[in-house]
Amino acid sequence: MLNSCSFIGNLGADPSVRHTKDGKPVVNLSLAVSEKWRGKDGEQKESTEWVRIVVWNEKLGEVCQKYLKKGSKIYVS
């Protein structure tokens, strides 16, 4: 079986970096994924879900640190 998730959203904060005991970076991201729709009454509604993302890959973590900031729109799969 395969489980797969894809998200498009905006970062709620700058990437947070910490390091493992052997010095490898681990990057944490907080992604806001919003959905908009019209209710039965015709009123515009919006719901936001927060997705926590942890980047363990060293090279990808470096890219996140260098290019991403609060408000950046990203796609994660």
C-alpha atoms as a PDB file:
ATOM      1  CA  MET A   1       0.000   0.000   0.000  1.00  0.00           C
ATOM      2  CA  LEU A   2       1.053   3.558  -0.599  1.00  0.00           C
ATOM      3  CA  ASN A   3      -0.109   6.631   1.272  1.00  0.00           C
ATOM      4  CA  SER A   4       0.563   9.972  -0.367  1.00  0.00           C
ATOM      5  CA  CYS A   5      -0.199  13.575   0.574  1.00  0.00           C
ATOM      6  CA  SER A   6       0.275  16.812  -1.362  1.00  0.00           C
ATOM      7  CA  PHE A   7      -0.128  20.308   0.048  1.00  0.00           C
ATOM      8  CA  ILE A   8      -0.009  23.833  -1.366  1.00  0.00           C
ATOM      9  CA  GLY A   9       0.070  26.625   1.167  1.00  0.00           C
ATOM     10  CA  ASN A  10       1.968  29.480   2.764  1.00  0.00           C
ATOM     11  CA  LEU A  11       4.619  29.282   5.452  1.00  0.00           C
ATOM     12  CA  GLY A  12       3.397  30.650   8.758  1.00  0.00           C
ATOM     13  CA  ALA A  13       6.932  31.385  10.010  1.00  0.00           C
ATOM     14  CA  ASP A  14      10.527  31.381   8.830  1.00  0.00           C
ATOM     15  CA  PRO A  15      12.049  27.883   8.706  1.00  0.00           C
ATOM     16  CA  SER A  16      13.353  26.754  12.093  1.00  0.00           C
ATOM     17  CA  VAL A  17      16.705  24.940  12.076  1.00  0.00           C
ATOM     18  CA  ARG A  18      18.164  22.654  14.717  1.00  0.00           C
ATOM     19  CA  HIS A  19      21.005  20.176  14.517  1.00  0.00           C
ATOM     20  CA  THR A  20      21.330  16.512  15.429  1.00  0.00           C
ATOM     21  CA  LYS A  21      24.114  15.358  17.764  1.00  0.00           C
ATOM     22  CA  ASP A  22      26.331  14.648  14.765  1.00  0.00           C
ATOM     23  CA  GLY A  23      25.761  18.180  13.380  1.00  0.00           C
ATOM     24  CA  LYS A  24      23.260  17.460  10.598  1.00  0.00           C
ATOM     25  CA  PRO A  25      20.602  20.169  10.141  1.00  0.00           C
ATOM     26  CA  VAL A  26      16.907  19.404  10.639  1.00  0.00           C
ATOM     27  CA  VAL A  27      14.511  22.051   9.303  1.00  0.00           C
ATOM     28  CA  ASN A  28      10.966  22.513  10.645  1.00  0.00           C
ATOM     29  CA  LEU A  29       8.296  24.253   8.584  1.00  0.00           C
ATOM     30  CA  SER A  30       4.770  25.303   9.517  1.00  0.00           C
ATOM     31  CA  LEU A  31       2.466  25.309   6.461  1.00  0.00           C
ATOM     32  CA  ALA A  32      -0.963  26.978   6.391  1.00  0.00           C
ATOM     33  CA  VAL A  33      -3.308  25.274   3.928  1.00  0.00           C
ATOM     34  CA  SER A  34      -6.514  27.246   3.360  1.00  0.00           C
ATOM     35  CA  GLU A  35      -9.793  26.325   1.728  1.00  0.00           C
ATOM     36  CA  LYS A  36     -12.441  28.857   0.636  1.00  0.00           C
ATOM     37  CA  TRP A  37     -16.048  28.158  -0.281  1.00  0.00           C
ATOM     38  CA  ARG A  38     -19.526  29.695  -0.311  1.00  0.00           C
ATOM     39  CA  GLY A  39     -21.981  28.450   2.263  1.00  0.00           C
ATOM     40  CA  LYS A  40     -25.633  27.692   1.546  1.00  0.00           C
ATOM     41  CA  ASP A  41     -26.437  31.238   2.630  1.00  0.00           C
ATOM     42  CA  GLY A  42     -24.080  32.582  -0.078  1.00  0.00           C
ATOM     43  CA  GLU A  43     -21.593  33.849   2.491  1.00  0.00           C
ATOM     44  CA  GLN A  44     -17.855  33.410   1.814  1.00  0.00           C
ATOM     45  CA  LYS A  45     -16.237  30.985   4.287  1.00  0.00           C
ATOM     46  CA  GLU A  46     -12.630  29.971   4.894  1.00  0.00           C
ATOM     47  CA  SER A  47     -10.911  27.240   6.868  1.00  0.00           C
ATOM     48  CA  THR A  48      -7.174  26.917   7.522  1.00  0.00           C
ATOM     49  CA  GLU A  49      -5.356  23.743   8.529  1.00  0.00           C
ATOM     50  CA  TRP A  50      -1.761  23.808   9.789  1.00  0.00           C
ATOM     51  CA  VAL A  51       0.644  21.125   8.593  1.00  0.00           C
ATOM     52  CA  ARG A  52       3.981  20.535  10.311  1.00  0.00           C
ATOM     53  CA  ILE A  53       6.799  19.521   7.994  1.00  0.00           C
ATOM     54  CA  VAL A  54      10.222  18.220   9.036  1.00  0.00           C
ATOM     55  CA  VAL A  55      13.031  18.195   6.461  1.00  0.00           C
ATOM     56  CA  TRP A  56      15.715  15.615   7.274  1.00  0.00           C
ATOM     57  CA  ASN A  57      17.542  15.765   3.928  1.00  0.00           C
ATOM     58  CA  GLU A  58      20.640  17.911   4.384  1.00  0.00           C
ATOM     59  CA  LYS A  59      20.699  19.464   0.889  1.00  0.00           C
ATOM     60  CA  LEU A  60      16.958  20.138   0.832  1.00  0.00           C
ATOM     61  CA  GLY A  61      17.250  21.651   4.312  1.00  0.00           C
ATOM     62  CA  GLU A  62      19.918  24.042   3.042  1.00  0.00           C
ATOM     63  CA  VAL A  63      17.620  25.096   0.167  1.00  0.00           C
ATOM     64  CA  CYS A  64      14.767  25.701   2.646  1.00  0.00           C
ATOM     65  CA  GLN A  65      16.987  27.851   4.857  1.00  0.00           C
ATOM     66  CA  LYS A  66      18.293  29.861   1.931  1.00  0.00           C
ATOM     67  CA  TYR A  67      15.121  30.531  -0.077  1.00  0.00           C
ATOM     68  CA  LEU A  68      12.058  30.136   2.156  1.00  0.00           C
ATOM     69  CA  LYS A  69      10.642  32.724   4.534  1.00  0.00           C
ATOM     70  CA  LYS A  70       7.362  33.493   6.253  1.00  0.00           C
ATOM     71  CA  GLY A  71       4.598  33.866   3.666  1.00  0.00           C
ATOM     72  CA  SER A  72       6.361  31.852   0.935  1.00  0.00           C
ATOM     73  CA  LYS A  73       3.955  29.744  -1.129  1.00  0.00           C
ATOM     74  CA  ILE A  74       5.215  26.182  -1.428  1.00  0.00           C
ATOM     75  CA  TYR A  75       4.117  22.804  -2.752  1.00  0.00           C
ATOM     76  CA  VAL A  76       4.982  19.720  -0.696  1.00  0.00           C
ATOM     77  CA  SER A  77       4.410  16.153  -1.788  1.00  0.00           C
END
